[in-house]
PDB file of N, CA and C in Angstrom:
ATOM      1  N   MET A   1     -58.823 186.715  33.733  1.00  0.00           N
ATOM      2  CA  MET A   1     -59.592 185.519  33.488  1.00  0.00           C
ATOM      3  C   MET A   1     -61.046 185.894  33.219  1.00  0.00           C
ATOM      4  N   HIS A   2     -61.637 185.245  32.257  1.00  0.00           N
ATOM      5  CA  HIS A   2     -63.013 185.530  31.838  1.00  0.00           C
ATOM      6  C   HIS A   2     -63.970 184.661  32.665  1.00  0.00           C
ATOM      7  N   ASN A   3     -64.905 185.310  33.321  1.00  0.00           N
ATOM      8  CA  ASN A   3     -65.863 184.581  34.148  1.00  0.00           C
ATOM      9  C   ASN A   3     -67.248 184.717  33.512  1.00  0.00           C
ATOM     10  N   ASP A   4     -67.668 183.701  32.774  1.00  0.00           N
ATOM     11  CA  ASP A   4     -68.955 183.718  32.089  1.00  0.00           C
ATOM     12  C   ASP A   4     -69.967 182.911  32.899  1.00  0.00           C
ATOM     13  N   ARG A   5     -71.148 183.482  33.068  1.00  0.00           N
ATOM     14  CA  ARG A   5     -72.189 182.786  33.831  1.00  0.00           C
ATOM     15  C   ARG A   5     -72.963 181.793  32.971  1.00  0.00           C
ATOM     16  N   GLY A   6     -72.667 181.734  31.694  1.00  0.00           N
ATOM     17  CA  GLY A   6     -73.315 180.760  30.816  1.00  0.00           C
ATOM     18  C   GLY A   6     -74.795 181.031  30.640  1.00  0.00           C
ATOM     19  N   ILE A   7     -75.584 179.991  30.728  1.00  0.00           N
ATOM     20  CA  ILE A   7     -77.020 180.082  30.492  1.00  0.00           C
ATOM     21  C   ILE A   7     -77.739 180.833  31.606  1.00  0.00           C
ATOM     22  N   ILE A   8     -77.165 180.937  32.768  1.00  0.00           N
ATOM     23  CA  ILE A   8     -77.812 181.571  33.913  1.00  0.00           C
ATOM     24  C   ILE A   8     -78.184 183.021  33.602  1.00  0.00           C
ATOM     25  N   LYS A   9     -77.347 183.725  32.861  1.00  0.00           N
ATOM     26  CA  LYS A   9     -77.635 185.127  32.571  1.00  0.00           C
ATOM     27  C   LYS A   9     -78.839 185.297  31.647  1.00  0.00           C
ATOM     28  N   TRP A  10     -79.242 184.249  30.918  1.00  0.00           N
ATOM     29  CA  TRP A  10     -80.362 184.351  29.994  1.00  0.00           C
ATOM     30  C   TRP A  10     -81.683 183.839  30.591  1.00  0.00           C
ATOM     31  N   LEU A  11     -81.663 183.276  31.756  1.00  0.00           N
ATOM     32  CA  LEU A  11     -82.873 182.726  32.354  1.00  0.00           C
ATOM     33  C   LEU A  11     -83.994 183.744  32.550  1.00  0.00           C
ATOM     34  N   PRO A  12     -83.737 184.988  32.937  1.00  0.00           N
ATOM     35  CA  PRO A  12     -84.854 185.928  33.081  1.00  0.00           C
ATOM     36  C   PRO A  12     -85.625 186.166  31.784  1.00  0.00           C
ATOM     37  N   PHE A  13     -84.977 186.014  30.636  1.00  0.00           N
ATOM     38  CA  PHE A  13     -85.644 186.239  29.361  1.00  0.00           C
ATOM     39  C   PHE A  13     -86.546 185.072  28.976  1.00  0.00           C
ATOM     40  N   GLU A  14     -86.385 183.927  29.611  1.00  0.00           N
ATOM     41  CA  GLU A  14     -87.268 182.789  29.355  1.00  0.00           C
ATOM     42  C   GLU A  14     -88.697 183.103  29.784  1.00  0.00           C
ATOM     43  N   SER A  15     -88.867 183.978  30.739  1.00  0.00           N
ATOM     44  CA  SER A  15     -90.210 184.329  31.190  1.00  0.00           C
ATOM     45  C   SER A  15     -90.953 185.160  30.138  1.00  0.00           C
ATOM     46  N   LEU A  16     -90.249 185.725  29.165  1.00  0.00           N
ATOM     47  CA  LEU A  16     -90.881 186.525  28.117  1.00  0.00           C
ATOM     48  C   LEU A  16     -91.460 185.666  26.990  1.00  0.00           C
ATOM     49  N   THR A  17     -91.054 184.420  26.876  1.00  0.00           N
ATOM     50  CA  THR A  17     -91.514 183.555  25.795  1.00  0.00           C
ATOM     51  C   THR A  17     -93.033 183.371  25.792  1.00  0.00           C
ATOM     52  N   PRO A  18     -93.681 183.066  26.937  1.00  0.00           N
ATOM     53  CA  PRO A  18     -95.147 182.941  26.901  1.00  0.00           C
ATOM     54  C   PRO A  18     -95.844 184.245  26.514  1.00  0.00           C
ATOM     55  N   SER A  19     -95.305 185.371  26.921  1.00  0.00           N
ATOM     56  CA  SER A  19     -95.935 186.632  26.554  1.00  0.00           C
ATOM     57  C   SER A  19     -95.771 186.908  25.064  1.00  0.00           C
ATOM     58  N   LYS A  20     -94.697 186.417  24.459  1.00  0.00           N
ATOM     59  CA  LYS A  20     -94.523 186.564  23.011  1.00  0.00           C
ATOM     60  C   LYS A  20     -95.613 185.805  22.275  1.00  0.00           C
ATOM     61  N   ASN A  21     -95.958 184.618  22.746  1.00  0.00           N
ATOM     62  CA  ASN A  21     -97.032 183.848  22.117  1.00  0.00           C
ATOM     63  C   ASN A  21     -98.369 184.577  22.223  1.00  0.00           C
ATOM     64  N   VAL A  22     -98.613 185.196  23.359  1.00  0.00           N
ATOM     65  CA  VAL A  22     -99.848 185.952  23.555  1.00  0.00           C
ATOM     66  C   VAL A  22     -99.877 187.153  22.620  1.00  0.00           C
ATOM     67  N   ILE A  23     -98.774 187.849  22.517  1.00  0.00           N
ATOM     68  CA  ILE A  23     -98.694 189.018  21.631  1.00  0.00           C
ATOM     69  C   ILE A  23     -98.894 188.600  20.179  1.00  0.00           C
ATOM     70  N   ASP A  24     -98.276 187.488  19.773  1.00  0.00           N
ATOM     71  CA  ASP A  24     -98.448 186.998  18.403  1.00  0.00           C
ATOM     72  C   ASP A  24     -99.907 186.648  18.121  1.00  0.00           C
ATOM     73  N   SER A  25    -100.578 186.015  19.075  1.00  0.00           N
ATOM     74  CA  SER A  25    -101.980 185.659  18.853  1.00  0.00           C
ATOM     75  C   SER A  25    -102.866 186.901  18.803  1.00  0.00           C
ATOM     76  N   ILE A  26    -102.545 187.916  19.595  1.00  0.00           N
ATOM     77  CA  ILE A  26    -103.311 189.166  19.555  1.00  0.00           C
ATOM     78  C   ILE A  26    -103.125 189.849  18.207  1.00  0.00           C
ATOM     79  N   LEU A  27    -101.901 189.901  17.705  1.00  0.00           N
ATOM     80  CA  LEU A  27    -101.640 190.511  16.398  1.00  0.00           C
ATOM     81  C   LEU A  27    -102.322 189.729  15.281  1.00  0.00           C
ATOM     82  N   TYR A  28    -102.356 188.399  15.406  1.00  0.00           N
ATOM     83  CA  TYR A  28    -103.022 187.559  14.412  1.00  0.00           C
ATOM     84  C   TYR A  28    -104.516 187.868  14.380  1.00  0.00           C
ATOM     85  N   GLU A  29    -105.136 187.951  15.536  1.00  0.00           N
ATOM     86  CA  GLU A  29    -106.567 188.248  15.616  1.00  0.00           C
ATOM     87  C   GLU A  29    -106.868 189.676  15.149  1.00  0.00           C
ATOM     88  N   LYS A  30    -105.969 190.598  15.440  1.00  0.00           N
ATOM     89  CA  LYS A  30    -106.179 191.996  15.082  1.00  0.00           C
ATOM     90  C   LYS A  30    -106.083 192.221  13.577  1.00  0.00           C
ATOM     91  N   SER A  31    -105.326 191.382  12.876  1.00  0.00           N
ATOM     92  CA  SER A  31    -105.143 191.562  11.441  1.00  0.00           C
ATOM     93  C   SER A  31    -106.287 190.966  10.615  1.00  0.00           C
ATOM     94  N   LYS A  32    -107.249 190.321  11.264  1.00  0.00           N
ATOM     95  CA  LYS A  32    -108.390 189.773  10.541  1.00  0.00           C
ATOM     96  C   LYS A  32    -109.278 190.888  10.018  1.00  0.00           C
ATOM     97  N   ILE A  33    -109.960 190.588   8.913  1.00  0.00           N
ATOM     98  CA  ILE A  33    -110.870 191.566   8.317  1.00  0.00           C
ATOM     99  C   ILE A  33    -112.284 190.998   8.294  1.00  0.00           C
ATOM    100  N   LYS A  34    -113.250 191.889   8.105  1.00  0.00           N
ATOM    101  CA  LYS A  34    -114.639 191.458   7.978  1.00  0.00           C
ATOM    102  C   LYS A  34    -114.878 190.951   6.561  1.00  0.00           C
ATOM    103  N   LYS A  35    -115.845 190.052   6.443  1.00  0.00           N
ATOM    104  CA  LYS A  35    -116.168 189.499   5.136  1.00  0.00           C
ATOM    105  C   LYS A  35    -116.797 190.575   4.256  1.00  0.00           C
ATOM    106  N   PRO A  36    -116.278 190.744   3.045  1.00  0.00           N
ATOM    107  CA  PRO A  36    -116.869 191.715   2.122  1.00  0.00           C
ATOM    108  C   PRO A  36    -118.289 191.289   1.726  1.00  0.00           C
ATOM    109  N   ILE A  37    -119.154 192.263   1.595  1.00  0.00           N
ATOM    110  CA  ILE A  37    -120.538 191.998   1.189  1.00  0.00           C
ATOM    111  C   ILE A  37    -120.629 192.189  -0.324  1.00  0.00           C
ATOM    112  N   LEU A  38    -121.149 191.166  -1.000  1.00  0.00           N
ATOM    113  CA  LEU A  38    -121.258 191.207  -2.455  1.00  0.00           C
ATOM    114  C   LEU A  38    -122.659 191.631  -2.860  1.00  0.00           C
ATOM    115  N   SER A  39    -122.742 192.417  -3.923  1.00  0.00           N
ATOM    116  CA  SER A  39    -124.042 192.807  -4.464  1.00  0.00           C
ATOM    117  C   SER A  39    -124.618 191.637  -5.269  1.00  0.00           C
ATOM    118  N   LEU A  40    -125.866 191.743  -5.648  1.00  0.00           N
ATOM    119  CA  LEU A  40    -126.500 190.700  -6.456  1.00  0.00           C
ATOM    120  C   LEU A  40    -125.819 190.546  -7.810  1.00  0.00           C
ATOM    121  N   GLU A  41    -125.391 191.669  -8.395  1.00  0.00           N
ATOM    122  CA  GLU A  41    -124.691 191.604  -9.682  1.00  0.00           C
ATOM    123  C   GLU A  41    -123.367 190.859  -9.547  1.00  0.00           C
ATOM    124  N   GLN A  42    -122.652 191.117  -8.470  1.00  0.00           N
ATOM    125  CA  GLN A  42    -121.379 190.432  -8.257  1.00  0.00           C
ATOM    126  C   GLN A  42    -121.602 188.933  -8.054  1.00  0.00           C
ATOM    127  N   GLN A  43    -122.628 188.563  -7.321  1.00  0.00           N
ATOM    128  CA  GLN A  43    -122.933 187.147  -7.107  1.00  0.00           C
ATOM    129  C   GLN A  43    -123.309 186.462  -8.422  1.00  0.00           C
ATOM    130  N   GLN A  44    -124.095 187.132  -9.245  1.00  0.00           N
ATOM    131  CA  GLN A  44    -124.470 186.567 -10.541  1.00  0.00           C
ATOM    132  C   GLN A  44    -123.255 186.417 -11.452  1.00  0.00           C
ATOM    133  N   GLU A  45    -122.376 187.391 -11.424  1.00  0.00           N
ATOM    134  CA  GLU A  45    -121.157 187.321 -12.234  1.00  0.00           C
ATOM    135  C   GLU A  45    -120.283 186.146 -11.801  1.00  0.00           C
ATOM    136  N   ILE A  46    -120.175 185.936 -10.497  1.00  0.00           N
ATOM    137  CA  ILE A  46    -119.395 184.805  -9.980  1.00  0.00           C
ATOM    138  C   ILE A  46    -120.012 183.487 -10.445  1.00  0.00           C
ATOM    139  N   GLU A  47    -121.336 183.380 -10.374  1.00  0.00           N
ATOM    140  CA  GLU A  47    -122.021 182.160 -10.810  1.00  0.00           C
ATOM    141  C   GLU A  47    -121.789 181.901 -12.298  1.00  0.00           C
ATOM    142  N   GLU A  48    -121.870 182.952 -13.110  1.00  0.00           N
ATOM    143  CA  GLU A  48    -121.654 182.802 -14.554  1.00  0.00           C
ATOM    144  C   GLU A  48    -120.227 182.350 -14.847  1.00  0.00           C
ATOM    145  N   ARG A  49    -119.275 182.928 -14.154  1.00  0.00           N
ATOM    146  CA  ARG A  49    -117.872 182.543 -14.369  1.00  0.00           C
ATOM    147  C   ARG A  49    -117.611 181.112 -13.900  1.00  0.00           C
ATOM    148  N   LEU A  50    -118.277 180.701 -12.824  1.00  0.00           N
ATOM    149  CA  LEU A  50    -118.136 179.326 -12.350  1.00  0.00           C
ATOM    150  C   LEU A  50    -118.622 178.334 -13.403  1.00  0.00           C
ATOM    151  N   VAL A  51    -119.796 178.591 -13.930  1.00  0.00           N
ATOM    152  CA  VAL A  51    -120.371 177.698 -14.940  1.00  0.00           C
ATOM    153  C   VAL A  51    -119.500 177.679 -16.190  1.00  0.00           C
ATOM    154  N   GLU A  52    -119.051 178.842 -16.611  1.00  0.00           N
ATOM    155  CA  GLU A  52    -118.194 178.934 -17.796  1.00  0.00           C
ATOM    156  C   GLU A  52    -116.889 178.163 -17.586  1.00  0.00           C
ATOM    157  N   ALA A  53    -116.268 178.342 -16.442  1.00  0.00           N
ATOM    158  CA  ALA A  53    -115.005 177.659 -16.162  1.00  0.00           C
ATOM    159  C   ALA A  53    -115.200 176.153 -16.035  1.00  0.00           C
ATOM    160  N   PHE A  54    -116.346 175.740 -15.499  1.00  0.00           N
ATOM    161  CA  PHE A  54    -116.625 174.308 -15.341  1.00  0.00           C
ATOM    162  C   PHE A  54    -116.787 173.631 -16.699  1.00  0.00           C
ATOM    163  N   TYR A  55    -117.582 174.220 -17.581  1.00  0.00           N
ATOM    164  CA  TYR A  55    -117.838 173.596 -18.877  1.00  0.00           C
ATOM    165  C   TYR A  55    -116.642 173.679 -19.815  1.00  0.00           C
ATOM    166  N   GLU A  56    -115.845 174.715 -19.699  1.00  0.00           N
ATOM    167  CA  GLU A  56    -114.664 174.837 -20.555  1.00  0.00           C
ATOM    168  C   GLU A  56    -113.431 174.169 -19.945  1.00  0.00           C
ATOM    169  N   GLN A  57    -113.545 173.730 -18.681  1.00  0.00           N
ATOM    170  CA  GLN A  57    -112.440 173.082 -17.960  1.00  0.00           C
ATOM    171  C   GLN A  57    -111.152 173.912 -18.006  1.00  0.00           C
ATOM    172  N   ILE A  58    -111.298 175.195 -17.679  1.00  0.00           N
ATOM    173  CA  ILE A  58    -110.133 176.064 -17.617  1.00  0.00           C
ATOM    174  C   ILE A  58    -109.765 176.322 -16.165  1.00  0.00           C
ATOM    175  N   GLU A  59    -108.523 176.645 -15.967  1.00  0.00           N
ATOM    176  CA  GLU A  59    -108.031 176.939 -14.617  1.00  0.00           C
ATOM    177  C   GLU A  59    -108.389 178.375 -14.258  1.00  0.00           C
ATOM    178  N   ILE A  60    -108.935 178.543 -13.071  1.00  0.00           N
ATOM    179  CA  ILE A  60    -109.336 179.882 -12.631  1.00  0.00           C
ATOM    180  C   ILE A  60    -108.738 180.176 -11.264  1.00  0.00           C
ATOM    181  N   THR A  61    -108.719 181.443 -10.935  1.00  0.00           N
ATOM    182  CA  THR A  61    -108.195 181.895  -9.650  1.00  0.00           C
ATOM    183  C   THR A  61    -109.358 182.392  -8.796  1.00  0.00           C
ATOM    184  N   PHE A  62    -109.469 181.814  -7.620  1.00  0.00           N
ATOM    185  CA  PHE A  62    -110.514 182.185  -6.669  1.00  0.00           C
ATOM    186  C   PHE A  62    -109.918 183.078  -5.596  1.00  0.00           C
ATOM    187  N   LYS A  63    -110.642 184.106  -5.230  1.00  0.00           N
ATOM    188  CA  LYS A  63    -110.347 184.851  -4.009  1.00  0.00           C
ATOM    189  C   LYS A  63    -111.431 184.442  -3.025  1.00  0.00           C
ATOM    190  N   ILE A  64    -111.020 183.822  -1.929  1.00  0.00           N
ATOM    191  CA  ILE A  64    -112.009 183.354  -0.963  1.00  0.00           C
ATOM    192  C   ILE A  64    -111.769 183.993   0.398  1.00  0.00           C
ATOM    193  N   TYR A  65    -112.828 184.071   1.167  1.00  0.00           N
ATOM    194  CA  TYR A  65    -112.762 184.580   2.531  1.00  0.00           C
ATOM    195  C   TYR A  65    -112.852 183.381   3.459  1.00  0.00           C
ATOM    196  N   LYS A  66    -111.831 183.221   4.311  1.00  0.00           N
ATOM    197  CA  LYS A  66    -111.821 182.098   5.241  1.00  0.00           C
ATOM    198  C   LYS A  66    -111.166 182.522   6.550  1.00  0.00           C
ATOM    199  N   ASN A  67    -111.918 182.402   7.622  1.00  0.00           N
ATOM    200  CA  ASN A  67    -111.427 182.686   8.978  1.00  0.00           C
ATOM    201  C   ASN A  67    -110.832 184.083   9.126  1.00  0.00           C
ATOM    202  N   GLY A  68    -111.428 185.063   8.504  1.00  0.00           N
ATOM    203  CA  GLY A  68    -110.976 186.436   8.672  1.00  0.00           C
ATOM    204  C   GLY A  68    -109.909 186.889   7.698  1.00  0.00           C
ATOM    205  N   TYR A  69    -109.537 186.037   6.768  1.00  0.00           N
ATOM    206  CA  TYR A  69    -108.487 186.378   5.812  1.00  0.00           C
ATOM    207  C   TYR A  69    -108.954 186.080   4.393  1.00  0.00           C
ATOM    208  N   ILE A  70    -108.383 186.780   3.443  1.00  0.00           N
ATOM    209  CA  ILE A  70    -108.656 186.525   2.032  1.00  0.00           C
ATOM    210  C   ILE A  70    -107.502 185.695   1.485  1.00  0.00           C
ATOM    211  N   LYS A  71    -107.862 184.549   0.907  1.00  0.00           N
ATOM    212  CA  LYS A  71    -106.865 183.635   0.356  1.00  0.00           C
ATOM    213  C   LYS A  71    -107.086 183.505  -1.141  1.00  0.00           C
ATOM    214  N   ILE A  72    -106.023 183.202  -1.859  1.00  0.00           N
ATOM    215  CA  ILE A  72    -106.086 183.052  -3.309  1.00  0.00           C
ATOM    216  C   ILE A  72    -105.760 181.602  -3.663  1.00  0.00           C
ATOM    217  N   ILE A  73    -106.650 180.993  -4.447  1.00  0.00           N
ATOM    218  CA  ILE A  73    -106.484 179.595  -4.848  1.00  0.00           C
ATOM    219  C   ILE A  73    -106.643 179.520  -6.363  1.00  0.00           C
ATOM    220  N   THR A  74    -105.748 178.796  -7.012  1.00  0.00           N
ATOM    221  CA  THR A  74    -105.833 178.607  -8.455  1.00  0.00           C
ATOM    222  C   THR A  74    -105.998 177.121  -8.747  1.00  0.00           C
ATOM    223  N   SER A  75    -107.069 176.789  -9.444  1.00  0.00           N
ATOM    224  CA  SER A  75    -107.348 175.398  -9.802  1.00  0.00           C
ATOM    225  C   SER A  75    -108.484 175.373 -10.811  1.00  0.00           C
ATOM    226  N   SER A  76    -108.747 174.201 -11.347  1.00  0.00           N
ATOM    227  CA  SER A  76    -109.920 174.042 -12.203  1.00  0.00           C
ATOM    228  C   SER A  76    -110.991 173.290 -11.411  1.00  0.00           C
ATOM    229  N   ILE A  77    -112.218 173.380 -11.875  1.00  0.00           N
ATOM    230  CA  ILE A  77    -113.362 172.832 -11.141  1.00  0.00           C
ATOM    231  C   ILE A  77    -113.607 171.388 -11.564  1.00  0.00           C
ATOM    232  N   LEU A  78    -113.732 170.526 -10.585  1.00  0.00           N
ATOM    233  CA  LEU A  78    -114.031 169.117 -10.836  1.00  0.00           C
ATOM    234  C   LEU A  78    -115.545 168.883 -10.788  1.00  0.00           C
ATOM    235  N   LYS A  79    -116.208 169.511  -9.807  1.00  0.00           N
ATOM    236  CA  LYS A  79    -117.647 169.295  -9.632  1.00  0.00           C
ATOM    237  C   LYS A  79    -118.278 170.502  -8.952  1.00  0.00           C
ATOM    238  N   ILE A  80    -119.488 170.837  -9.367  1.00  0.00           N
ATOM    239  CA  ILE A  80    -120.277 171.878  -8.700  1.00  0.00           C
ATOM    240  C   ILE A  80    -121.470 171.192  -8.060  1.00  0.00           C
ATOM    241  N   ASP A  81    -121.564 171.256  -6.749  1.00  0.00           N
ATOM    242  CA  ASP A  81    -122.650 170.635  -5.998  1.00  0.00           C
ATOM    243  C   ASP A  81    -123.643 171.717  -5.594  1.00  0.00           C
ATOM    244  N   THR A  82    -124.754 171.804  -6.323  1.00  0.00           N
ATOM    245  CA  THR A  82    -125.728 172.861  -6.055  1.00  0.00           C
ATOM    246  C   THR A  82    -126.584 172.565  -4.829  1.00  0.00           C
ATOM    247  N   ILE A  83    -126.677 171.320  -4.422  1.00  0.00           N
ATOM    248  CA  ILE A  83    -127.483 170.974  -3.251  1.00  0.00           C
ATOM    249  C   ILE A  83    -126.814 171.483  -1.981  1.00  0.00           C
ATOM    250  N   TYR A  84    -125.530 171.164  -1.832  1.00  0.00           N
ATOM    251  CA  TYR A  84    -124.790 171.594  -0.642  1.00  0.00           C
ATOM    252  C   TYR A  84    -124.071 172.916  -0.847  1.00  0.00           C
ATOM    253  N   LYS A  85    -124.240 173.498  -2.029  1.00  0.00           N
ATOM    254  CA  LYS A  85    -123.644 174.787  -2.383  1.00  0.00           C
ATOM    255  C   LYS A  85    -122.133 174.804  -2.168  1.00  0.00           C
ATOM    256  N   LYS A  86    -121.469 173.836  -2.784  1.00  0.00           N
ATOM    257  CA  LYS A  86    -120.018 173.782  -2.702  1.00  0.00           C
ATOM    258  C   LYS A  86    -119.419 173.385  -4.036  1.00  0.00           C
ATOM    259  N   ILE A  87    -118.139 173.663  -4.166  1.00  0.00           N
ATOM    260  CA  ILE A  87    -117.392 173.387  -5.386  1.00  0.00           C
ATOM    261  C   ILE A  87    -116.225 172.492  -5.004  1.00  0.00           C
ATOM    262  N   ILE A  88    -116.020 171.442  -5.765  1.00  0.00           N
ATOM    263  CA  ILE A  88    -114.871 170.571  -5.540  1.00  0.00           C
ATOM    264  C   ILE A  88    -113.871 170.850  -6.654  1.00  0.00           C
ATOM    265  N   LEU A  89    -112.655 171.208  -6.253  1.00  0.00           N
ATOM    266  CA  LEU A  89    -111.613 171.560  -7.209  1.00  0.00           C
ATOM    267  C   LEU A  89    -110.762 170.346  -7.549  1.00  0.00           C
ATOM    268  N   LYS A  90    -109.996 170.450  -8.607  1.00  0.00           N
ATOM    269  CA  LYS A  90    -109.142 169.330  -9.023  1.00  0.00           C
ATOM    270  C   LYS A  90    -108.028 169.040  -8.029  1.00  0.00           C
ATOM    271  N   ASN A  91    -107.660 170.030  -7.223  1.00  0.00           N
ATOM    272  CA  ASN A  91    -106.627 169.790  -6.209  1.00  0.00           C
ATOM    273  C   ASN A  91    -107.248 169.260  -4.918  1.00  0.00           C
ATOM    274  N   LYS A  92    -108.477 168.733  -5.013  1.00  0.00           N
ATOM    275  CA  LYS A  92    -109.228 168.094  -3.918  1.00  0.00           C
ATOM    276  C   LYS A  92    -109.670 169.052  -2.821  1.00  0.00           C
ATOM    277  N   MET A  93    -109.627 170.343  -3.072  1.00  0.00           N
ATOM    278  CA  MET A  93    -110.150 171.316  -2.112  1.00  0.00           C
ATOM    279  C   MET A  93    -111.637 171.480  -2.319  1.00  0.00           C
ATOM    280  N   LYS A  94    -112.327 171.824  -1.232  1.00  0.00           N
ATOM    281  CA  LYS A  94    -113.754 172.096  -1.300  1.00  0.00           C
ATOM    282  C   LYS A  94    -113.992 173.541  -0.894  1.00  0.00           C
ATOM    283  N   LEU A  95    -114.732 174.250  -1.721  1.00  0.00           N
ATOM    284  CA  LEU A  95    -115.088 175.636  -1.447  1.00  0.00           C
ATOM    285  C   LEU A  95    -116.598 175.750  -1.386  1.00  0.00           C
ATOM    286  N   PHE A  96    -117.080 176.523  -0.451  1.00  0.00           N
ATOM    287  CA  PHE A  96    -118.502 176.810  -0.402  1.00  0.00           C
ATOM    288  C   PHE A  96    -118.768 178.100  -1.176  1.00  0.00           C
ATOM    289  N   PHE A  97    -119.953 178.186  -1.767  1.00  0.00           N
ATOM    290  CA  PHE A  97    -120.303 179.357  -2.565  1.00  0.00           C
ATOM    291  C   PHE A  97    -120.152 180.650  -1.778  1.00  0.00           C
ATOM    292  N   ASN A  98    -120.533 180.625  -0.503  1.00  0.00           N
ATOM    293  CA  ASN A  98    -120.488 181.861   0.287  1.00  0.00           C
ATOM    294  C   ASN A  98    -119.075 182.283   0.668  1.00  0.00           C
ATOM    295  N   GLN A  99    -118.066 181.458   0.407  1.00  0.00           N
ATOM    296  CA  GLN A  99    -116.674 181.825   0.665  1.00  0.00           C
ATOM    297  C   GLN A  99    -116.076 182.632  -0.478  1.00  0.00           C
ATOM    298  N   ILE A 100    -116.608 182.477  -1.667  1.00  0.00           N
ATOM    299  CA  ILE A 100    -116.012 183.073  -2.872  1.00  0.00           C
ATOM    300  C   ILE A 100    -116.322 184.572  -2.922  1.00  0.00           C
ATOM    301  N   ILE A 101    -115.279 185.343  -3.081  1.00  0.00           N
ATOM    302  CA  ILE A 101    -115.404 186.795  -3.180  1.00  0.00           C
ATOM    303  C   ILE A 101    -115.247 187.265  -4.617  1.00  0.00           C
ATOM    304  N   GLU A 102    -114.301 186.626  -5.322  1.00  0.00           N
ATOM    305  CA  GLU A 102    -114.010 187.057  -6.692  1.00  0.00           C
ATOM    306  C   GLU A 102    -113.438 185.877  -7.461  1.00  0.00           C
ATOM    307  N   ILE A 103    -113.685 185.878  -8.782  1.00  0.00           N
ATOM    308  CA  ILE A 103    -113.136 184.849  -9.663  1.00  0.00           C
ATOM    309  C   ILE A 103    -112.460 185.535 -10.830  1.00  0.00           C
ATOM    310  N   VAL A 104    -111.252 185.081 -11.136  1.00  0.00           N
ATOM    311  CA  VAL A 104    -110.507 185.611 -12.282  1.00  0.00           C
ATOM    312  C   VAL A 104    -110.266 184.450 -13.237  1.00  0.00           C
ATOM    313  N   LEU A 105    -110.731 184.608 -14.469  1.00  0.00           N
ATOM    314  CA  LEU A 105    -110.548 183.550 -15.478  1.00  0.00           C
ATOM    315  C   LEU A 105    -109.188 183.631 -16.108  1.00  0.00           C
TER     316      LEU A 105
END
């Protein structure tokens, strides 16, 4: 006859679940990178490409730095706000100038 203890045999492993969350958060924090520093030439090139993409209404790909990670966003520019130094994209996202690392037309 088979005598199975059912869920009772797995109860000790339930105590490992909170430690898994801690380990995942540590790995998440450890994988973050520092923000790349752009030269003046790179900043000017980004500004020129922004203006060009805005007036020609073409879709561009942004590489942005946000919360320790580099993200890639593709959209066209709806508005450039020079006062608050932000860009509003057609997909309703808002990017600040200091987040942009690279632009690909």
